[in-house]
Amino acid sequence: MEGPTRKTFVIVVSVAVMLIGGCGGQESPNVKKGRALAAENIELRKQLEQRSAEIEKLTQRHGEEIKKQQSLLEKCEQEKLTWKTKAQQNIRDQVKGVLDTVVEENARLREENQAFKAQIEALQAQPKQSESTEK
């Protein structure tokens, strides 16, 4: 039994006990026992209502805490994404910096190679000229 049905039952039992026992007459042990049970039922109902109110408060507090934690999680996920993007950009910048340096060094070495080739050709051409003038 729940709710109003239980209350009605307790009231009906209490009234029946009073009618059976009569007003101010000698009470039988069953009547005393019935009254004690009715009082105990009322006390238990009060305790049940208090526990239900506590459960409701805890459920509400739990829901608020879940919302708070969800909000923090979303914020952390956003920060994680931001840091990941920054890290990728830093890697790109570093690779670009190294690549630019390598390309510049490569261009300088090509120019140097061209200059050395020209020197080698010039040196190789000199002995041939010397041989031609000696004949």
Protein backbone atom coordinates (compact mmCIF):
# COMPACT_ATOMS: atom_id res chain seq x y z
CA MET A 1 0.00 0.00 0.00
CA GLU A 2 1.21 3.45 -0.78
CA GLY A 3 0.27 7.05 -0.32
CA PRO A 4 -3.32 7.92 0.59
CA THR A 5 -4.37 4.26 0.78
CA ARG A 6 -2.02 3.58 3.67
CA LYS A 7 -3.09 6.76 5.47
CA THR A 8 -6.73 5.84 5.06
CA PHE A 9 -6.04 2.36 6.37
CA VAL A 10 -4.30 3.72 9.46
CA ILE A 11 -7.17 6.12 10.14
CA VAL A 12 -9.81 3.42 9.65
CA VAL A 13 -7.95 1.04 11.95
CA SER A 14 -7.58 3.77 14.57
CA VAL A 15 -11.28 4.67 14.40
CA ALA A 16 -12.26 1.00 14.54
CA VAL A 17 -10.08 0.44 17.56
CA MET A 18 -11.67 3.42 19.30
CA LEU A 19 -15.20 2.25 18.49
CA ILE A 20 -14.56 -1.31 19.57
CA GLY A 21 -12.87 -0.24 22.77
CA GLY A 22 -15.46 2.36 23.56
CA CYS A 23 -14.85 5.75 25.05
CA GLY A 24 -13.11 5.57 28.38
CA GLY A 25 -13.77 1.86 28.84
CA GLN A 26 -11.30 -0.80 29.73
CA GLU A 27 -9.04 -1.41 26.70
CA SER A 28 -8.23 -4.90 25.66
CA PRO A 29 -4.64 -5.89 24.87
CA ASN A 30 -5.50 -6.00 21.16
CA VAL A 31 -6.67 -2.38 21.24
CA LYS A 32 -3.49 -1.28 22.97
CA LYS A 33 -1.45 -3.24 20.47
CA GLY A 34 -3.42 -1.66 17.59
CA ARG A 35 -2.82 1.84 18.90
CA ALA A 36 0.88 1.12 19.35
CA LEU A 37 1.06 -0.16 15.78
CA ALA A 38 -0.80 2.90 14.49
CA ALA A 39 1.61 5.22 16.34
CA GLU A 40 4.56 3.24 15.01
CA ASN A 41 3.14 3.44 11.46
CA ILE A 42 2.78 7.22 11.77
CA GLU A 43 6.37 7.52 12.99
CA LEU A 44 7.62 5.27 10.19
CA ARG A 45 5.69 7.34 7.63
CA LYS A 46 7.37 10.53 8.94
CA GLN A 47 10.79 8.88 8.68
CA LEU A 48 9.98 7.69 5.17
CA GLU A 49 9.00 11.22 4.11
CA GLN A 50 12.22 12.60 5.60
CA ARG A 51 14.29 10.00 3.73
CA SER A 52 12.42 10.75 0.52
CA ALA A 53 13.18 14.46 0.93
CA GLU A 54 16.86 13.67 1.58
CA ILE A 55 16.98 11.45 -1.50
CA GLU A 56 15.42 14.22 -3.59
CA LYS A 57 18.00 16.75 -2.34
CA LEU A 58 20.88 14.35 -3.01
CA THR A 59 19.54 13.56 -6.48
CA GLN A 60 19.33 17.26 -7.28
CA ARG A 61 22.84 17.90 -5.93
CA HIS A 62 24.14 14.92 -7.89
CA GLY A 63 22.54 16.26 -11.09
CA GLU A 64 24.11 19.68 -10.54
CA GLU A 65 27.52 18.08 -9.93
CA ILE A 66 27.20 16.02 -13.11
CA LYS A 67 26.39 19.19 -15.09
CA LYS A 68 29.39 20.94 -13.54
CA GLN A 69 31.71 18.03 -14.36
CA GLN A 70 30.31 17.85 -17.90
CA SER A 71 31.04 21.55 -18.34
CA LEU A 72 34.61 21.07 -17.09
CA LEU A 73 35.06 18.12 -19.43
CA GLU A 74 33.90 20.16 -22.42
CA LYS A 75 36.27 22.97 -21.43
CA CYS A 76 39.17 20.52 -21.12
CA GLU A 77 38.35 18.98 -24.48
CA GLN A 78 38.39 22.44 -26.06
CA GLU A 79 41.74 23.27 -24.42
CA LYS A 80 43.12 19.93 -25.59
CA LEU A 81 42.08 20.72 -29.15
CA THR A 82 43.66 24.19 -28.90
CA TRP A 83 46.95 22.77 -27.62
CA LYS A 84 46.94 20.08 -30.31
CA THR A 85 46.45 22.73 -33.00
CA LYS A 86 49.24 24.88 -31.54
CA ALA A 87 51.57 21.87 -31.38
CA GLN A 88 50.88 21.00 -35.02
CA GLN A 89 51.52 24.61 -36.04
CA ASN A 90 54.79 24.66 -34.08
CA ILE A 91 55.89 21.47 -35.82
CA ARG A 92 55.03 22.95 -39.21
CA ASP A 93 56.96 26.13 -38.36
CA GLN A 94 59.99 24.16 -37.21
CA VAL A 95 59.96 21.91 -40.28
CA LYS A 96 59.54 24.94 -42.51
CA GLY A 97 62.47 26.65 -40.76
CA VAL A 98 64.70 23.61 -41.19
CA LEU A 99 63.56 23.13 -44.78
CA ASP A 100 64.20 26.79 -45.61
CA THR A 101 67.71 26.50 -44.14
CA VAL A 102 68.38 23.31 -46.10
CA VAL A 103 67.10 24.88 -49.34
CA GLU A 104 69.27 27.97 -48.81
CA GLU A 105 72.31 25.82 -48.00
CA ASN A 106 71.61 23.66 -51.04
CA ALA A 107 71.43 26.74 -53.29
CA ARG A 108 74.71 28.07 -51.82
CA LEU A 109 76.40 24.71 -52.37
CA ARG A 110 75.18 24.58 -55.99
CA GLU A 111 76.65 28.03 -56.63
CA GLU A 112 79.87 26.92 -54.97
CA ASN A 113 79.92 23.75 -57.09
CA GLN A 114 79.39 25.82 -60.22
CA ALA A 115 82.31 28.07 -59.21
CA PHE A 116 84.53 25.03 -58.54
CA LYS A 117 83.57 23.47 -61.86
CA ALA A 118 84.49 26.71 -63.60
CA GLN A 119 87.84 26.77 -61.77
CA ILE A 120 88.49 23.14 -62.65
CA GLU A 121 87.69 23.78 -66.31
CA ALA A 122 89.91 26.86 -66.25
CA LEU A 123 92.75 24.88 -64.69
CA GLN A 124 92.32 22.05 -67.13
CA ALA A 125 92.33 24.48 -70.03
CA GLN A 126 95.63 26.10 -68.91
CA PRO A 127 97.90 23.09 -69.45
CA LYS A 128 96.40 22.60 -72.87
CA GLN A 129 97.20 26.20 -73.71
CA SER A 130 100.70 25.74 -72.33
CA GLU A 131 101.20 22.66 -74.49
CA SER A 132 99.86 24.51 -77.55
CA THR A 133 102.25 27.45 -77.06
CA GLU A 134 105.24 25.16 -76.52
CA LYS A 135 104.85 23.43 -79.87
